Every structure is written in C-alpha cells, then in structure tokens.
Amino acid sequence: MAAEWLLSAVLIAISSPAFGHFETVRPLWTRIARWLVYLAITGLIGATLGRPWTFVWVIGLPLAGAVFHVAWCRRHGINPLTAEPRDRYEQLRAARRR
C-alpha cells in the first residue's frame, strides 16, 4: 500500500501549491479537510478493495476533476490554466457559493 500513499502524497504536494492560488476565498480548514478525506478514502479503498481499485481512485478522481474543470471553464469562457479573465472567474465562483 506504500505506492498508493506515495502517489497520493505526490499529487497533493504538486497540486496544492500549483492550484492553491485559485482557492483564495475558501477557508484553510476546508482545504486541509478535503485532502484528509481524500487520504482517508485512499486508505479505506486500499484496505478493503485492494491495490487496483486504489489506483483507480488515486488517478481517476483527479483526472475526472480535471476533465470537469476544463469543460466548465471552456463553457464559461475562462482559460482553464490561468482563470482569465479573472473577474469573470471570481464572479462565477461567487455565484456558485450562493
């Protein structure tokens, strides 16, 4: 199960600093809780379903999220990598929180 945890840790270590600047309005505790839940589910799947399904989770969830993110951004006229135009991105995020 060490490989699954290593891959999960690498994904967290890369994605948190790379995409954290887009999460300016979400409190720190919710961002940390999200990663803790991800790791807990990783451990639960590894303990119950086994290694193949753990890798499906560890790779599949971020991949599904990335596909959704790109489609959502393109549908709303936002660059999926830079969130530009930034004012439009912030406006849509604020509307989603209501």
PDB file of N, CA and C in Angstrom:
ATOM      1  N   MET A   1       0.822  -1.190   0.000  1.00  0.00           N
ATOM      2  CA  MET A   1       0.000   0.000   0.000  1.00  0.00           C
ATOM      3  C   MET A   1       0.866   1.256   0.000  1.00  0.00           C
ATOM      4  N   ALA A   2       2.147   1.114   0.098  1.00  0.00           N
ATOM      5  CA  ALA A   2       3.036   2.276   0.142  1.00  0.00           C
ATOM      6  C   ALA A   2       3.028   3.049  -1.174  1.00  0.00           C
ATOM      7  N   ALA A   3       2.905   2.352  -2.276  1.00  0.00           N
ATOM      8  CA  ALA A   3       2.911   3.036  -3.577  1.00  0.00           C
ATOM      9  C   ALA A   3       1.699   3.937  -3.741  1.00  0.00           C
ATOM     10  N   GLU A   4       0.553   3.495  -3.256  1.00  0.00           N
ATOM     11  CA  GLU A   4      -0.656   4.298  -3.353  1.00  0.00           C
ATOM     12  C   GLU A   4      -0.534   5.573  -2.527  1.00  0.00           C
ATOM     13  N   TRP A   5      -0.005   5.431  -1.302  1.00  0.00           N
ATOM     14  CA  TRP A   5       0.176   6.591  -0.431  1.00  0.00           C
ATOM     15  C   TRP A   5       1.210   7.549  -1.006  1.00  0.00           C
ATOM     16  N   LEU A   6       2.271   6.998  -1.585  1.00  0.00           N
ATOM     17  CA  LEU A   6       3.295   7.848  -2.196  1.00  0.00           C
ATOM     18  C   LEU A   6       2.703   8.631  -3.361  1.00  0.00           C
ATOM     19  N   LEU A   7       1.963   7.969  -4.222  1.00  0.00           N
ATOM     20  CA  LEU A   7       1.340   8.656  -5.346  1.00  0.00           C
ATOM     21  C   LEU A   7       0.356   9.717  -4.859  1.00  0.00           C
ATOM     22  N   SER A   8      -0.431   9.399  -3.843  1.00  0.00           N
ATOM     23  CA  SER A   8      -1.365  10.380  -3.280  1.00  0.00           C
ATOM     24  C   SER A   8      -0.616  11.584  -2.717  1.00  0.00           C
ATOM     25  N   ALA A   9       0.461  11.339  -1.993  1.00  0.00           N
ATOM     26  CA  ALA A   9       1.248  12.426  -1.411  1.00  0.00           C
ATOM     27  C   ALA A   9       1.882  13.294  -2.489  1.00  0.00           C
ATOM     28  N   VAL A  10       2.358  12.680  -3.547  1.00  0.00           N
ATOM     29  CA  VAL A  10       2.945  13.444  -4.654  1.00  0.00           C
ATOM     30  C   VAL A  10       1.877  14.308  -5.324  1.00  0.00           C
ATOM     31  N   LEU A  11       0.698  13.755  -5.553  1.00  0.00           N
ATOM     32  CA  LEU A  11      -0.389  14.541  -6.146  1.00  0.00           C
ATOM     33  C   LEU A  11      -0.759  15.735  -5.268  1.00  0.00           C
ATOM     34  N   ILE A  12      -0.827  15.521  -3.966  1.00  0.00           N
ATOM     35  CA  ILE A  12      -1.140  16.619  -3.049  1.00  0.00           C
ATOM     36  C   ILE A  12      -0.020  17.645  -3.049  1.00  0.00           C
ATOM     37  N   ALA A  13       1.223  17.183  -3.012  1.00  0.00           N
ATOM     38  CA  ALA A  13       2.366  18.098  -2.967  1.00  0.00           C
ATOM     39  C   ALA A  13       2.481  18.942  -4.227  1.00  0.00           C
ATOM     40  N   ILE A  14       2.060  18.414  -5.352  1.00  0.00           N
ATOM     41  CA  ILE A  14       2.124  19.166  -6.608  1.00  0.00           C
ATOM     42  C   ILE A  14       0.901  20.057  -6.786  1.00  0.00           C
ATOM     43  N   SER A  15      -0.276  19.497  -6.529  1.00  0.00           N
ATOM     44  CA  SER A  15      -1.488  20.259  -6.830  1.00  0.00           C
ATOM     45  C   SER A  15      -1.781  21.377  -5.831  1.00  0.00           C
ATOM     46  N   SER A  16      -1.428  21.202  -4.576  1.00  0.00           N
ATOM     47  CA  SER A  16      -1.714  22.252  -3.590  1.00  0.00           C
ATOM     48  C   SER A  16      -1.026  23.573  -3.931  1.00  0.00           C
ATOM     49  N   PRO A  17       0.289  23.590  -4.131  1.00  0.00           N
ATOM     50  CA  PRO A  17       0.897  24.877  -4.488  1.00  0.00           C
ATOM     51  C   PRO A  17       0.572  25.326  -5.914  1.00  0.00           C
ATOM     52  N   ALA A  18       0.357  24.368  -6.815  1.00  0.00           N
ATOM     53  CA  ALA A  18       0.103  24.740  -8.208  1.00  0.00           C
ATOM     54  C   ALA A  18      -1.267  25.385  -8.396  1.00  0.00           C
ATOM     55  N   PHE A  19      -2.260  24.914  -7.656  1.00  0.00           N
ATOM     56  CA  PHE A  19      -3.617  25.404  -7.858  1.00  0.00           C
ATOM     57  C   PHE A  19      -4.203  26.108  -6.646  1.00  0.00           C
ATOM     58  N   GLY A  20      -3.459  26.198  -5.562  1.00  0.00           N
ATOM     59  CA  GLY A  20      -3.955  26.811  -4.340  1.00  0.00           C
ATOM     60  C   GLY A  20      -4.305  28.276  -4.480  1.00  0.00           C
ATOM     61  N   HIS A  21      -3.650  28.969  -5.401  1.00  0.00           N
ATOM     62  CA  HIS A  21      -3.935  30.398  -5.559  1.00  0.00           C
ATOM     63  C   HIS A  21      -5.325  30.649  -6.150  1.00  0.00           C
ATOM     64  N   PHE A  22      -5.961  29.624  -6.680  1.00  0.00           N
ATOM     65  CA  PHE A  22      -7.334  29.771  -7.169  1.00  0.00           C
ATOM     66  C   PHE A  22      -8.345  29.642  -6.035  1.00  0.00           C
ATOM     67  N   GLU A  23      -7.914  29.152  -4.894  1.00  0.00           N
ATOM     68  CA  GLU A  23      -8.789  28.921  -3.747  1.00  0.00           C
ATOM     69  C   GLU A  23      -8.659  30.052  -2.724  1.00  0.00           C
ATOM     70  N   THR A  24      -8.707  31.273  -3.181  1.00  0.00           N
ATOM     71  CA  THR A  24      -8.476  32.411  -2.298  1.00  0.00           C
ATOM     72  C   THR A  24      -9.623  32.656  -1.327  1.00  0.00           C
ATOM     73  N   VAL A  25     -10.807  32.219  -1.640  1.00  0.00           N
ATOM     74  CA  VAL A  25     -11.957  32.508  -0.797  1.00  0.00           C
ATOM     75  C   VAL A  25     -12.333  31.350   0.127  1.00  0.00           C
ATOM     76  N   ARG A  26     -11.832  30.184  -0.141  1.00  0.00           N
ATOM     77  CA  ARG A  26     -12.157  29.020   0.693  1.00  0.00           C
ATOM     78  C   ARG A  26     -11.252  29.011   1.923  1.00  0.00           C
ATOM     79  N   PRO A  27     -11.821  28.807   3.111  1.00  0.00           N
ATOM     80  CA  PRO A  27     -11.007  28.789   4.327  1.00  0.00           C
ATOM     81  C   PRO A  27      -9.964  27.659   4.315  1.00  0.00           C
ATOM     82  N   LEU A  28      -8.873  27.898   5.015  1.00  0.00           N
ATOM     83  CA  LEU A  28      -7.787  26.928   5.063  1.00  0.00           C
ATOM     84  C   LEU A  28      -8.260  25.585   5.616  1.00  0.00           C
ATOM     85  N   TRP A  29      -9.085  25.605   6.635  1.00  0.00           N
ATOM     86  CA  TRP A  29      -9.505  24.345   7.242  1.00  0.00           C
ATOM     87  C   TRP A  29     -10.279  23.472   6.270  1.00  0.00           C
ATOM     88  N   THR A  30     -11.036  24.062   5.345  1.00  0.00           N
ATOM     89  CA  THR A  30     -11.780  23.239   4.382  1.00  0.00           C
ATOM     90  C   THR A  30     -10.846  22.647   3.329  1.00  0.00           C
ATOM     91  N   ARG A  31      -9.807  23.413   2.980  1.00  0.00           N
ATOM     92  CA  ARG A  31      -8.838  22.873   2.021  1.00  0.00           C
ATOM     93  C   ARG A  31      -8.069  21.704   2.624  1.00  0.00           C
ATOM     94  N   ILE A  32      -7.702  21.825   3.897  1.00  0.00           N
ATOM     95  CA  ILE A  32      -6.991  20.740   4.572  1.00  0.00           C
ATOM     96  C   ILE A  32      -7.921  19.542   4.753  1.00  0.00           C
ATOM     97  N   ALA A  33      -9.154  19.798   5.160  1.00  0.00           N
ATOM     98  CA  ALA A  33     -10.118  18.708   5.361  1.00  0.00           C
ATOM     99  C   ALA A  33     -10.353  17.934   4.076  1.00  0.00           C
ATOM    100  N   ARG A  34     -10.392  18.622   2.958  1.00  0.00           N
ATOM    101  CA  ARG A  34     -10.605  17.945   1.668  1.00  0.00           C
ATOM    102  C   ARG A  34      -9.483  16.941   1.395  1.00  0.00           C
ATOM    103  N   TRP A  35      -8.246  17.319   1.661  1.00  0.00           N
ATOM    104  CA  TRP A  35      -7.119  16.408   1.435  1.00  0.00           C
ATOM    105  C   TRP A  35      -7.126  15.262   2.444  1.00  0.00           C
ATOM    106  N   LEU A  36      -7.511  15.547   3.677  1.00  0.00           N
ATOM    107  CA  LEU A  36      -7.581  14.476   4.671  1.00  0.00           C
ATOM    108  C   LEU A  36      -8.651  13.448   4.316  1.00  0.00           C
ATOM    109  N   VAL A  37      -9.773  13.902   3.813  1.00  0.00           N
ATOM    110  CA  VAL A  37     -10.823  12.976   3.368  1.00  0.00           C
ATOM    111  C   VAL A  37     -10.326  12.145   2.184  1.00  0.00           C
ATOM    112  N   TYR A  38      -9.641  12.797   1.251  1.00  0.00           N
ATOM    113  CA  TYR A  38      -9.073  12.086   0.094  1.00  0.00           C
ATOM    114  C   TYR A  38      -8.123  10.981   0.560  1.00  0.00           C
ATOM    115  N   LEU A  39      -7.245  11.299   1.525  1.00  0.00           N
ATOM    116  CA  LEU A  39      -6.305  10.298   2.030  1.00  0.00           C
ATOM    117  C   LEU A  39      -7.018   9.200   2.819  1.00  0.00           C
ATOM    118  N   ALA A  40      -8.045   9.559   3.572  1.00  0.00           N
ATOM    119  CA  ALA A  40      -8.795   8.551   4.322  1.00  0.00           C
ATOM    120  C   ALA A  40      -9.494   7.576   3.380  1.00  0.00           C
ATOM    121  N   ILE A  41     -10.093   8.100   2.328  1.00  0.00           N
ATOM    122  CA  ILE A  41     -10.755   7.228   1.355  1.00  0.00           C
ATOM    123  C   ILE A  41      -9.723   6.367   0.632  1.00  0.00           C
ATOM    124  N   THR A  42      -8.555   6.919   0.357  1.00  0.00           N
ATOM    125  CA  THR A  42      -7.473   6.142  -0.261  1.00  0.00           C
ATOM    126  C   THR A  42      -7.118   4.952   0.628  1.00  0.00           C
ATOM    127  N   GLY A  43      -6.951   5.199   1.924  1.00  0.00           N
ATOM    128  CA  GLY A  43      -6.635   4.111   2.849  1.00  0.00           C
ATOM    129  C   GLY A  43      -7.753   3.100   2.971  1.00  0.00           C
ATOM    130  N   LEU A  44      -8.983   3.576   3.004  1.00  0.00           N
ATOM    131  CA  LEU A  44     -10.139   2.684   3.114  1.00  0.00           C
ATOM    132  C   LEU A  44     -10.267   1.782   1.893  1.00  0.00           C
ATOM    133  N   ILE A  45     -10.100   2.353   0.717  1.00  0.00           N
ATOM    134  CA  ILE A  45     -10.170   1.544  -0.501  1.00  0.00           C
ATOM    135  C   ILE A  45      -9.030   0.536  -0.536  1.00  0.00           C
ATOM    136  N   GLY A  46      -7.840   0.981  -0.145  1.00  0.00           N
ATOM    137  CA  GLY A  46      -6.695   0.070  -0.125  1.00  0.00           C
ATOM    138  C   GLY A  46      -6.894  -1.092   0.836  1.00  0.00           C
ATOM    139  N   ALA A  47      -7.504  -0.822   1.976  1.00  0.00           N
ATOM    140  CA  ALA A  47      -7.707  -1.865   2.980  1.00  0.00           C
ATOM    141  C   ALA A  47      -8.848  -2.814   2.628  1.00  0.00           C
ATOM    142  N   THR A  48      -9.817  -2.326   1.868  1.00  0.00           N
ATOM    143  CA  THR A  48     -10.990  -3.161   1.591  1.00  0.00           C
ATOM    144  C   THR A  48     -11.012  -3.738   0.171  1.00  0.00           C
ATOM    145  N   LEU A  49     -10.765  -2.924  -0.814  1.00  0.00           N
ATOM    146  CA  LEU A  49     -10.907  -3.376  -2.202  1.00  0.00           C
ATOM    147  C   LEU A  49      -9.594  -3.795  -2.851  1.00  0.00           C
ATOM    148  N   GLY A  50      -8.476  -3.286  -2.343  1.00  0.00           N
ATOM    149  CA  GLY A  50      -7.191  -3.697  -2.870  1.00  0.00           C
ATOM    150  C   GLY A  50      -6.534  -2.649  -3.747  1.00  0.00           C
ATOM    151  N   ARG A  51      -5.317  -2.969  -4.122  1.00  0.00           N
ATOM    152  CA  ARG A  51      -4.455  -2.048  -4.852  1.00  0.00           C
ATOM    153  C   ARG A  51      -5.004  -1.576  -6.197  1.00  0.00           C
ATOM    154  N   PRO A  52      -5.524  -2.427  -7.061  1.00  0.00           N
ATOM    155  CA  PRO A  52      -6.004  -1.921  -8.357  1.00  0.00           C
ATOM    156  C   PRO A  52      -7.072  -0.842  -8.211  1.00  0.00           C
ATOM    157  N   TRP A  53      -8.033  -1.047  -7.305  1.00  0.00           N
ATOM    158  CA  TRP A  53      -9.098  -0.063  -7.131  1.00  0.00           C
ATOM    159  C   TRP A  53      -8.579   1.209  -6.461  1.00  0.00           C
ATOM    160  N   THR A  54      -7.541   1.057  -5.650  1.00  0.00           N
ATOM    161  CA  THR A  54      -6.947   2.242  -5.035  1.00  0.00           C
ATOM    162  C   THR A  54      -6.323   3.122  -6.112  1.00  0.00           C
ATOM    163  N   PHE A  55      -5.637   2.508  -7.058  1.00  0.00           N
ATOM    164  CA  PHE A  55      -5.053   3.294  -8.141  1.00  0.00           C
ATOM    165  C   PHE A  55      -6.128   3.911  -9.034  1.00  0.00           C
ATOM    166  N   VAL A  56      -7.229   3.212  -9.214  1.00  0.00           N
ATOM    167  CA  VAL A  56      -8.348   3.804  -9.967  1.00  0.00           C
ATOM    168  C   VAL A  56      -8.811   5.065  -9.250  1.00  0.00           C
ATOM    169  N   TRP A  57      -8.924   5.016  -7.930  1.00  0.00           N
ATOM    170  CA  TRP A  57      -9.334   6.176  -7.137  1.00  0.00           C
ATOM    171  C   TRP A  57      -8.284   7.288  -7.203  1.00  0.00           C
ATOM    172  N   VAL A  58      -7.021   6.938  -6.936  1.00  0.00           N
ATOM    173  CA  VAL A  58      -5.957   7.938  -6.832  1.00  0.00           C
ATOM    174  C   VAL A  58      -5.737   8.648  -8.164  1.00  0.00           C
ATOM    175  N   ILE A  59      -5.838   7.935  -9.258  1.00  0.00           N
ATOM    176  CA  ILE A  59      -5.621   8.543 -10.575  1.00  0.00           C
ATOM    177  C   ILE A  59      -6.946   9.026 -11.174  1.00  0.00           C
ATOM    178  N   GLY A  60      -8.002   8.264 -10.971  1.00  0.00           N
ATOM    179  CA  GLY A  60      -9.280   8.579 -11.602  1.00  0.00           C
ATOM    180  C   GLY A  60      -9.957   9.824 -11.069  1.00  0.00           C
ATOM    181  N   LEU A  61      -9.916  10.045  -9.767  1.00  0.00           N
ATOM    182  CA  LEU A  61     -10.587  11.217  -9.209  1.00  0.00           C
ATOM    183  C   LEU A  61      -9.972  12.524  -9.716  1.00  0.00           C
ATOM    184  N   PRO A  62      -8.646  12.701  -9.631  1.00  0.00           N
ATOM    185  CA  PRO A  62      -8.079  13.941 -10.184  1.00  0.00           C
ATOM    186  C   PRO A  62      -8.296  14.066 -11.694  1.00  0.00           C
ATOM    187  N   LEU A  63      -8.262  12.958 -12.409  1.00  0.00           N
ATOM    188  CA  LEU A  63      -8.488  13.003 -13.848  1.00  0.00           C
ATOM    189  C   LEU A  63      -9.927  13.430 -14.159  1.00  0.00           C
ATOM    190  N   ALA A  64     -10.891  12.871 -13.434  1.00  0.00           N
ATOM    191  CA  ALA A  64     -12.291  13.270 -13.628  1.00  0.00           C
ATOM    192  C   ALA A  64     -12.480  14.741 -13.267  1.00  0.00           C
ATOM    193  N   GLY A  65     -11.842  15.176 -12.188  1.00  0.00           N
ATOM    194  CA  GLY A  65     -11.919  16.580 -11.794  1.00  0.00           C
ATOM    195  C   GLY A  65     -11.335  17.502 -12.838  1.00  0.00           C
ATOM    196  N   ALA A  66     -10.218  17.093 -13.439  1.00  0.00           N
ATOM    197  CA  ALA A  66      -9.575  17.911 -14.469  1.00  0.00           C
ATOM    198  C   ALA A  66     -10.444  18.016 -15.717  1.00  0.00           C
ATOM    199  N   VAL A  67     -11.070  16.917 -16.111  1.00  0.00           N
ATOM    200  CA  VAL A  67     -11.958  16.929 -17.280  1.00  0.00           C
ATOM    201  C   VAL A  67     -13.144  17.854 -17.014  1.00  0.00           C
ATOM    202  N   PHE A  68     -13.760  17.735 -15.836  1.00  0.00           N
ATOM    203  CA  PHE A  68     -14.875  18.603 -15.488  1.00  0.00           C
ATOM    204  C   PHE A  68     -14.432  20.069 -15.468  1.00  0.00           C
ATOM    205  N   HIS A  69     -13.275  20.338 -14.869  1.00  0.00           N
ATOM    206  CA  HIS A  69     -12.761  21.704 -14.760  1.00  0.00           C
ATOM    207  C   HIS A  69     -12.554  22.341 -16.133  1.00  0.00           C
ATOM    208  N   VAL A  70     -11.915  21.625 -17.025  1.00  0.00           N
ATOM    209  CA  VAL A  70     -11.658  22.164 -18.371  1.00  0.00           C
ATOM    210  C   VAL A  70     -12.977  22.414 -19.100  1.00  0.00           C
ATOM    211  N   ALA A  71     -13.912  21.472 -19.006  1.00  0.00           N
ATOM    212  CA  ALA A  71     -15.204  21.655 -19.678  1.00  0.00           C
ATOM    213  C   ALA A  71     -15.965  22.843 -19.085  1.00  0.00           C
ATOM    214  N   TRP A  72     -15.976  22.965 -17.773  1.00  0.00           N
ATOM    215  CA  TRP A  72     -16.680  24.070 -17.111  1.00  0.00           C
ATOM    216  C   TRP A  72     -16.069  25.406 -17.503  1.00  0.00           C
ATOM    217  N   CYS A  73     -14.748  25.486 -17.471  1.00  0.00           N
ATOM    218  CA  CYS A  73     -14.067  26.745 -17.828  1.00  0.00           C
ATOM    219  C   CYS A  73     -14.332  27.121 -19.281  1.00  0.00           C
ATOM    220  N   ARG A  74     -14.226  26.184 -20.176  1.00  0.00           N
ATOM    221  CA  ARG A  74     -14.458  26.482 -21.594  1.00  0.00           C
ATOM    222  C   ARG A  74     -15.908  26.913 -21.843  1.00  0.00           C
ATOM    223  N   ARG A  75     -16.844  26.271 -21.164  1.00  0.00           N
ATOM    224  CA  ARG A  75     -18.253  26.618 -21.319  1.00  0.00           C
ATOM    225  C   ARG A  75     -18.528  28.052 -20.848  1.00  0.00           C
ATOM    226  N   HIS A  76     -17.762  28.525 -19.873  1.00  0.00           N
ATOM    227  CA  HIS A  76     -17.958  29.861 -19.331  1.00  0.00           C
ATOM    228  C   HIS A  76     -16.951  30.884 -19.857  1.00  0.00           C
ATOM    229  N   GLY A  77     -16.160  30.513 -20.852  1.00  0.00           N
ATOM    230  CA  GLY A  77     -15.236  31.449 -21.478  1.00  0.00           C
ATOM    231  C   GLY A  77     -14.038  31.820 -20.615  1.00  0.00           C
ATOM    232  N   ILE A  78     -13.563  30.881 -19.824  1.00  0.00           N
ATOM    233  CA  ILE A  78     -12.430  31.122 -18.926  1.00  0.00           C
ATOM    234  C   ILE A  78     -11.293  30.186 -19.324  1.00  0.00           C
ATOM    235  N   ASN A  79     -10.075  30.709 -19.299  1.00  0.00           N
ATOM    236  CA  ASN A  79      -8.906  29.881 -19.568  1.00  0.00           C
ATOM    237  C   ASN A  79      -8.740  28.909 -18.400  1.00  0.00           C
ATOM    238  N   PRO A  80      -8.715  27.583 -18.648  1.00  0.00           N
ATOM    239  CA  PRO A  80      -8.669  26.622 -17.554  1.00  0.00           C
ATOM    240  C   PRO A  80      -7.348  26.597 -16.786  1.00  0.00           C
ATOM    241  N   LEU A  81      -6.285  27.138 -17.348  1.00  0.00           N
ATOM    242  CA  LEU A  81      -4.999  27.147 -16.652  1.00  0.00           C
ATOM    243  C   LEU A  81      -4.726  28.431 -15.892  1.00  0.00           C
ATOM    244  N   THR A  82      -5.223  29.545 -16.387  1.00  0.00           N
ATOM    245  CA  THR A  82      -4.909  30.831 -15.757  1.00  0.00           C
ATOM    246  C   THR A  82      -6.108  31.495 -15.092  1.00  0.00           C
ATOM    247  N   ALA A  83      -7.300  30.968 -15.310  1.00  0.00           N
ATOM    248  CA  ALA A  83      -8.551  31.536 -14.781  1.00  0.00           C
ATOM    249  C   ALA A  83      -8.752  32.963 -15.252  1.00  0.00           C
ATOM    250  N   GLU A  84      -8.384  33.232 -16.471  1.00  0.00           N
ATOM    251  CA  GLU A  84      -8.570  34.564 -17.042  1.00  0.00           C
ATOM    252  C   GLU A  84      -9.719  34.527 -18.035  1.00  0.00           C
ATOM    253  N   PRO A  85     -10.543  35.505 -18.078  1.00  0.00           N
ATOM    254  CA  PRO A  85     -10.494  36.754 -17.324  1.00  0.00           C
ATOM    255  C   PRO A  85     -10.831  36.516 -15.852  1.00  0.00           C
ATOM    256  N   ARG A  86      -9.950  36.992 -14.987  1.00  0.00           N
ATOM    257  CA  ARG A  86     -10.045  36.719 -13.556  1.00  0.00           C
ATOM    258  C   ARG A  86     -11.335  37.256 -12.946  1.00  0.00           C
ATOM    259  N   ASP A  87     -11.800  38.419 -13.369  1.00  0.00           N
ATOM    260  CA  ASP A  87     -13.031  38.972 -12.800  1.00  0.00           C
ATOM    261  C   ASP A  87     -14.235  38.083 -13.118  1.00  0.00           C
ATOM    262  N   ARG A  88     -14.268  37.526 -14.305  1.00  0.00           N
ATOM    263  CA  ARG A  88     -15.352  36.607 -14.688  1.00  0.00           C
ATOM    264  C   ARG A  88     -15.292  35.333 -13.845  1.00  0.00           C
ATOM    265  N   TYR A  89     -14.087  34.818 -13.642  1.00  0.00           N
ATOM    266  CA  TYR A  89     -13.891  33.627 -12.823  1.00  0.00           C
ATOM    267  C   TYR A  89     -14.382  33.875 -11.396  1.00  0.00           C
ATOM    268  N   GLU A  90     -13.984  34.984 -10.799  1.00  0.00           N
ATOM    269  CA  GLU A  90     -14.404  35.314  -9.432  1.00  0.00           C
ATOM    270  C   GLU A  90     -15.921  35.499  -9.350  1.00  0.00           C
ATOM    271  N   GLN A  91     -16.497  36.097 -10.383  1.00  0.00           N
ATOM    272  CA  GLN A  91     -17.947  36.304 -10.428  1.00  0.00           C
ATOM    273  C   GLN A  91     -18.684  34.959 -10.440  1.00  0.00           C
ATOM    274  N   LEU A  92     -18.208  34.027 -11.244  1.00  0.00           N
ATOM    275  CA  LEU A  92     -18.840  32.712 -11.317  1.00  0.00           C
ATOM    276  C   LEU A  92     -18.661  31.928 -10.020  1.00  0.00           C
ATOM    277  N   ARG A  93     -17.495  32.031  -9.402  1.00  0.00           N
ATOM    278  CA  ARG A  93     -17.267  31.348  -8.125  1.00  0.00           C
ATOM    279  C   ARG A  93     -18.179  31.919  -7.045  1.00  0.00           C
ATOM    280  N   ALA A  94     -18.364  33.239  -7.040  1.00  0.00           N
ATOM    281  CA  ALA A  94     -19.238  33.862  -6.047  1.00  0.00           C
ATOM    282  C   ALA A  94     -20.684  33.436  -6.254  1.00  0.00           C
ATOM    283  N   ALA A  95     -21.110  33.335  -7.498  1.00  0.00           N
ATOM    284  CA  ALA A  95     -22.478  32.923  -7.797  1.00  0.00           C
ATOM    285  C   ALA A  95     -22.701  31.470  -7.377  1.00  0.00           C
ATOM    286  N   ARG A  96     -21.692  30.644  -7.484  1.00  0.00           N
ATOM    287  CA  ARG A  96     -21.797  29.243  -7.116  1.00  0.00           C
ATOM    288  C   ARG A  96     -21.938  29.065  -5.600  1.00  0.00           C
ATOM    289  N   ARG A  97     -21.358  29.963  -4.829  1.00  0.00           N
ATOM    290  CA  ARG A  97     -21.421  29.871  -3.363  1.00  0.00           C
ATOM    291  C   ARG A  97     -22.789  30.277  -2.824  1.00  0.00           C
ATOM    292  N   ARG A  98     -23.607  30.966  -3.598  1.00  0.00           N
ATOM    293  CA  ARG A  98     -24.908  31.431  -3.106  1.00  0.00           C
ATOM    294  C   ARG A  98     -25.905  30.321  -3.002  1.00  0.00           C
TER     295      ARG A  98
END
